[in-house]
Protein backbone atom coordinates (compact mmCIF):
# COMPACT_ATOMS: atom_id res chain seq x y z
CA MET A 1 0.00 0.00 0.00
CA ALA A 2 1.40 3.41 -1.01
CA ARG A 3 2.74 5.40 1.91
CA PRO A 4 0.84 8.59 2.78
CA VAL A 5 2.69 11.89 2.85
CA TRP A 6 2.50 12.10 6.65
CA PHE A 7 4.42 8.81 6.89
CA VAL A 8 7.19 10.17 4.66
CA GLU A 9 7.33 13.35 6.72
CA LEU A 10 7.79 11.20 9.82
CA ILE A 11 10.73 9.46 8.15
CA LYS A 12 12.31 12.83 7.38
CA LYS A 13 12.07 13.87 11.02
CA SER A 14 13.70 10.62 12.13
CA PHE A 15 16.55 10.91 9.60
CA PRO A 16 19.03 12.46 12.09
CA SER A 17 18.80 9.30 14.21
CA ARG A 18 20.00 7.04 11.38
CA PHE A 19 23.50 6.62 12.85
CA PHE A 20 22.10 5.36 16.13
CA ALA A 21 19.87 2.91 14.26
CA ALA A 22 22.85 1.79 12.18
CA ARG A 23 24.88 0.98 15.30
CA VAL A 24 22.01 -1.13 16.62
CA THR A 25 22.42 -3.47 13.62
CA ARG A 26 25.70 -4.64 15.17
CA ALA A 27 23.77 -6.35 17.95
CA PRO A 28 23.69 -10.07 16.99
CA VAL A 29 19.97 -10.84 17.21
CA VAL A 30 18.45 -7.39 16.64
CA GLY A 31 20.85 -6.73 13.79
CA LYS A 32 19.79 -9.85 11.90
CA LEU A 33 16.14 -8.94 12.36
CA ILE A 34 16.71 -5.42 10.99
CA GLU A 35 18.68 -6.79 8.08
CA ARG A 36 15.89 -9.19 7.14
CA MET A 37 13.23 -6.49 7.45
CA LEU A 38 15.02 -3.70 5.57
CA PHE A 39 18.01 -4.99 3.60
CA TRP A 40 17.28 -8.61 2.63
CA GLY A 41 18.32 -9.41 -0.94
CA ASP A 42 20.01 -6.04 -1.45
CA ASP A 43 22.86 -5.47 -3.88
CA LEU A 44 23.83 -1.86 -4.60
CA VAL A 45 26.74 -0.52 -6.63
CA TYR A 46 28.25 2.97 -6.58
CA LEU A 47 29.26 4.16 -10.04
CA PRO A 48 32.32 6.41 -10.36
CA MET A 49 31.67 9.92 -11.61
CA ASP A 50 32.00 9.96 -15.40
CA ARG A 51 34.32 12.95 -15.45
CA THR A 52 36.87 11.18 -13.26
CA ILE A 53 37.04 8.35 -15.80
CA GLN A 54 37.28 10.76 -18.73
CA ILE A 55 40.23 12.58 -17.22
CA HIS A 56 42.35 9.58 -16.36
CA ALA A 57 41.41 6.78 -18.77
CA ALA A 58 43.85 6.14 -21.60
CA ILE A 59 41.31 6.35 -24.42
CA GLU A 60 42.20 7.80 -27.79
CA ARG A 61 38.87 9.16 -28.99
CA PRO A 62 35.80 10.44 -27.10
CA MET A 63 33.57 8.08 -29.08
CA ASP A 64 35.52 5.15 -27.59
CA MET A 65 34.90 6.18 -23.98
CA VAL A 66 33.19 3.57 -21.86
CA LEU A 67 31.63 5.49 -18.97
CA PRO A 68 29.99 4.27 -15.75
CA SER A 69 26.77 6.16 -16.54
CA GLN A 70 26.16 3.68 -19.36
CA VAL A 71 25.01 1.25 -16.68
CA VAL A 72 22.21 3.65 -15.72
CA GLU A 73 21.34 4.30 -19.35
CA HIS A 74 21.14 0.57 -20.04
CA PHE A 75 18.56 -0.04 -17.33
CA ILE A 76 16.55 3.03 -18.31
CA GLU A 77 16.36 1.71 -21.86
CA GLN A 78 15.36 -1.75 -20.67
CA ALA A 79 12.63 -0.61 -18.28
CA SER A 80 8.96 -0.23 -19.19
CA TYR A 81 8.15 1.94 -16.17
CA HIS A 82 10.09 5.01 -15.00
CA TRP A 83 9.43 7.16 -11.94
CA ILE A 84 11.18 10.31 -10.69
CA MET A 85 10.74 11.41 -7.10
CA ASN A 86 9.97 15.09 -6.55
CA PHE A 87 12.72 15.30 -3.95
CA CYS A 88 15.71 13.45 -2.56
CA LEU A 89 14.64 12.01 0.79
CA CYS A 90 18.17 12.27 2.21
CA ARG A 91 18.87 15.85 1.10
CA ASP A 92 15.38 17.04 2.01
CA SER A 93 15.62 15.46 5.47
CA ASN A 94 19.10 16.92 5.98
CA HIS A 95 18.17 20.38 4.61
CA CYS A 96 21.04 20.19 2.11
CA LYS A 97 22.51 23.54 1.07
CA ASP A 98 25.07 22.31 -1.47
CA TYR A 99 23.18 20.04 -3.88
CA PRO A 100 19.69 20.18 -5.47
CA VAL A 101 17.04 18.73 -3.18
CA GLU A 102 14.64 18.40 -6.13
CA TYR A 103 16.86 15.86 -7.92
CA GLY A 104 15.24 12.77 -6.41
CA CYS A 105 15.77 9.06 -6.93
CA LEU A 106 14.86 7.42 -10.22
CA PHE A 107 12.93 4.18 -9.80
CA LEU A 108 12.40 1.60 -12.55
CA GLY A 109 10.05 -1.37 -12.82
CA GLU A 110 6.38 -2.20 -12.46
CA ALA A 111 6.39 -1.58 -8.70
CA VAL A 112 6.58 2.18 -9.34
CA LEU A 113 2.86 2.05 -10.14
CA GLY A 114 2.22 1.72 -6.42
CA ILE A 115 4.12 4.87 -5.35
CA ASN A 116 2.02 7.69 -3.93
CA PRO A 117 1.62 10.24 -6.80
CA ALA A 118 2.08 13.05 -4.28
CA LEU A 119 5.75 11.99 -4.00
CA GLY A 120 6.71 11.90 -7.67
CA HIS A 121 5.57 11.10 -11.19
CA ARG A 122 5.97 8.67 -14.07
CA VAL A 123 8.20 9.81 -16.92
CA SER A 124 9.27 8.65 -20.36
CA LYS A 125 12.61 7.03 -21.13
CA ALA A 126 13.85 10.31 -22.59
CA GLU A 127 12.87 12.20 -19.43
CA ALA A 128 14.54 9.57 -17.26
CA LEU A 129 17.76 9.83 -19.26
CA GLU A 130 17.68 13.62 -19.01
CA HIS A 131 17.10 13.44 -15.25
CA ALA A 132 20.12 11.18 -14.83
CA ARG A 133 22.25 13.54 -16.92
CA LEU A 134 21.20 16.58 -14.87
CA CYS A 135 22.04 14.74 -11.68
CA ARG A 136 25.55 13.97 -12.94
CA GLU A 137 26.08 17.56 -14.02
CA ALA A 138 25.10 18.67 -10.53
CA GLY A 139 27.92 16.54 -9.10
CA LEU A 140 25.74 13.73 -7.79
CA VAL A 141 26.87 10.10 -7.83
CA HIS A 142 24.69 7.23 -9.05
CA LEU A 143 23.97 4.29 -6.75
CA VAL A 144 22.28 1.46 -8.64
CA GLY A 145 20.70 -1.80 -7.58
CA ARG A 146 18.03 -3.53 -5.57
CA ASN A 147 17.22 -1.87 -2.25
CA LYS A 148 14.53 -3.36 -0.02
CA LEU A 149 14.52 -0.24 2.14
CA ASP A 150 12.96 1.68 -0.75
CA THR A 151 10.10 -0.80 -1.08
CA VAL A 152 9.46 -0.40 2.66
CA TRP A 153 9.38 3.39 2.93
CA LEU A 154 7.49 3.73 -0.36
CA GLY A 155 5.08 0.93 0.54
CA VAL A 156 5.37 -0.88 -2.81
CA SER A 157 5.88 -4.45 -3.95
CA PRO A 158 7.12 -6.80 -5.18
CA GLY A 159 10.76 -5.96 -4.47
CA GLU A 160 11.98 -7.82 -7.54
CA LYS A 161 10.13 -5.27 -9.69
CA LEU A 162 11.79 -2.13 -8.32
CA LEU A 163 15.25 -0.96 -9.36
CA THR A 164 16.72 1.96 -7.44
CA ILE A 165 18.92 4.63 -9.01
CA CYS A 166 19.91 7.04 -6.26
CA ASN A 167 21.71 10.29 -6.98
CA CYS A 168 23.91 10.82 -3.97
CA CYS A 169 25.75 13.78 -2.48
CA PRO A 170 28.63 13.37 0.00
CA CYS A 171 26.99 15.38 2.78
CA CYS A 172 23.54 13.84 3.15
CA CYS A 173 23.64 10.32 1.71
CA LEU A 174 21.96 7.69 3.87
CA TRP A 175 24.91 5.41 3.28
CA LYS A 176 27.20 7.57 5.35
CA ILE A 177 26.10 4.98 7.92
CA LEU A 178 28.33 2.36 6.23
CA PRO A 179 31.25 2.79 8.67
CA VAL A 180 28.98 2.06 11.67
CA VAL A 181 26.39 -0.39 10.29
CA SER A 182 26.85 -4.16 10.62
CA GLN A 183 29.37 -5.68 8.25
CA SER A 184 26.81 -7.92 6.57
CA ILE A 185 24.69 -4.88 5.65
CA ALA A 186 27.70 -2.77 4.64
CA ASP A 187 28.83 -5.55 2.29
CA LYS A 188 25.62 -5.08 0.27
CA VAL A 189 26.83 -1.62 -0.91
CA THR A 190 29.99 -1.90 -2.98
CA LYS A 191 32.18 -0.21 -5.52
CA MET A 192 31.79 -0.99 -9.20
CA PRO A 193 33.49 -4.31 -10.11
CA GLY A 194 36.94 -3.75 -11.54
CA VAL A 195 37.28 -0.18 -10.24
CA LYS A 196 40.21 0.77 -8.04
CA VAL A 197 41.11 4.18 -6.60
CA VAL A 198 44.82 4.79 -6.03
CA VAL A 199 46.98 7.60 -4.68
CA GLY A 200 50.01 8.38 -6.85
CA GLU A 201 53.38 10.00 -6.20
CA LEU A 202 52.03 13.48 -6.89
CA CYS A 203 50.31 13.45 -3.50
CA GLN A 204 51.59 16.28 -1.29
CA GLY A 205 49.59 15.37 1.80
CA CYS A 206 47.51 18.54 1.66
CA GLY A 207 44.48 16.80 3.17
CA THR A 208 41.94 18.23 0.73
CA CYS A 209 40.57 14.75 0.01
CA THR A 210 39.92 14.16 3.72
CA GLN A 211 37.69 17.22 4.09
CA ASP A 212 34.17 15.88 3.54
CA ALA A 213 34.90 14.54 0.05
CA CYS A 214 34.56 10.88 1.00
CA PHE A 215 31.13 10.01 2.37
CA VAL A 216 32.43 6.86 4.10
CA GLY A 217 35.66 8.35 5.48
CA ALA A 218 37.84 5.95 3.50
CA ILE A 219 40.70 8.45 3.08
CA GLN A 220 43.16 9.47 5.75
CA LEU A 221 46.58 11.04 5.97
CA VAL A 222 49.44 8.79 7.00
CA ASP A 223 53.19 9.29 7.34
CA GLY A 224 55.06 8.57 4.13
CA PRO A 225 58.21 6.38 3.90
CA ALA A 226 60.97 8.16 5.79
CA ASP A 227 63.52 7.65 3.01
CA LEU A 228 61.23 8.94 0.27
CA ARG A 229 58.57 11.23 1.70
CA PRO A 230 58.87 12.24 5.35
CA ASP A 231 55.65 14.25 5.13
CA SER A 232 52.15 12.82 5.31
CA ARG A 233 50.25 11.55 2.29
CA ALA A 234 46.77 10.28 1.56
CA GLU A 235 45.92 6.62 1.88
CA ILE A 236 42.68 4.97 0.73
CA GLY A 237 41.24 2.15 2.81
CA GLU A 238 39.11 -0.87 2.00
CA GLU A 239 35.98 1.13 2.87
CA CYS A 240 36.29 3.01 -0.46
CA ARG A 241 33.21 2.64 -2.68
CA GLY A 242 34.92 4.10 -5.75
CA CYS A 243 32.64 7.12 -6.26
CA GLY A 244 35.53 9.27 -7.55
CA ARG A 245 34.93 12.41 -5.50
CA CYS A 246 38.48 12.38 -4.17
CA VAL A 247 39.78 12.12 -7.75
CA GLU A 248 37.83 15.20 -8.74
CA ILE A 249 38.75 17.29 -5.71
CA CYS A 250 42.50 16.57 -5.50
CA PRO A 251 44.32 19.82 -6.43
CA ASN A 252 47.43 17.95 -7.59
CA GLY A 253 45.80 15.26 -9.72
CA ALA A 254 47.41 12.67 -7.47
CA ILE A 255 44.42 10.32 -7.14
CA GLU A 256 43.33 8.17 -10.05
CA ILE A 257 40.63 5.68 -10.85
CA THR A 258 41.98 2.63 -12.61
CA ILE A 259 39.90 0.00 -14.36
CA GLU A 260 41.15 -3.53 -13.77
CA GLN A 261 38.49 -5.27 -15.87
CA GLY A 262 37.89 -4.45 -19.52
CA MET A 263 34.23 -5.50 -19.25
CA TYR A 264 33.48 -3.53 -16.10
CA ILE A 265 30.30 -2.01 -17.55
CA GLN A 266 28.91 -5.32 -18.76
CA GLY A 267 29.98 -7.04 -15.56
CA THR A 268 28.01 -4.54 -13.48
CA ILE A 269 24.93 -4.92 -15.69
CA GLU A 270 25.09 -8.71 -15.49
CA ARG A 271 25.37 -8.53 -11.72
CA ILE A 272 22.33 -6.26 -11.23
CA ALA A 273 20.03 -7.44 -14.03
CA PRO A 274 18.96 -10.78 -12.46
CA LEU A 275 17.83 -8.99 -9.28
CA VAL A 276 15.03 -6.93 -10.81
CA GLU A 277 12.44 -7.56 -13.52
CA LEU A 278 12.09 -4.35 -15.54
CA GLY A 279 9.63 -5.36 -18.25
């Protein structure tokens, strides 16, 4: 049953308590119950920002560029039902000042027919593609996959007929809870297969990348080798989800996204496609 507006407003008011709720998932019994209720069957992938790939990929011609956003475009083309939310729940709840609140999630699949029309509207494929493009231009990062939490707060079903495409900012994203949520839930939100973010020798340890660029706090300054670089330098931990914000913000061009799999676009599509029926 579609959620009424008052229910969504209640969720917005409770948004600040998300970190407390995330910590509760580490409790053995309660955590498993929460996971089954809100995250069962989830698989979500962060896509690197296109412009970080364009800058660093060794590609001869623009027409040859294989960009992460092609994953989003593929699913938009495949889907028969497209829905754009009138707002981003995370940014609206957090009163975001830096990114557009009106650029809401894009949902695909037959389950969108059950969403309360007061929260968003159906769109054409062309409108969905344009929405995704505008989100990227605004500096938002796509998160793609199956997310049971969306079926719960929207009050729609079945879950296998709803694909989520979130457009995330670093300041308000729900998944800033990843460092404190249970490991089994955190493992459901990953970087794009084949993507690796590395810090090169140009790093001067300025710390710019540690200042609210990484939404999961995966970057920190560490002391460099005494014989080579006595000063501090950036180091990226396993928590990295490969969004590419640090690549974009580094003033020295010292951080790069490398692609370790030639079929990283197709691999991502093949991983997500079996989870949701889009026809």
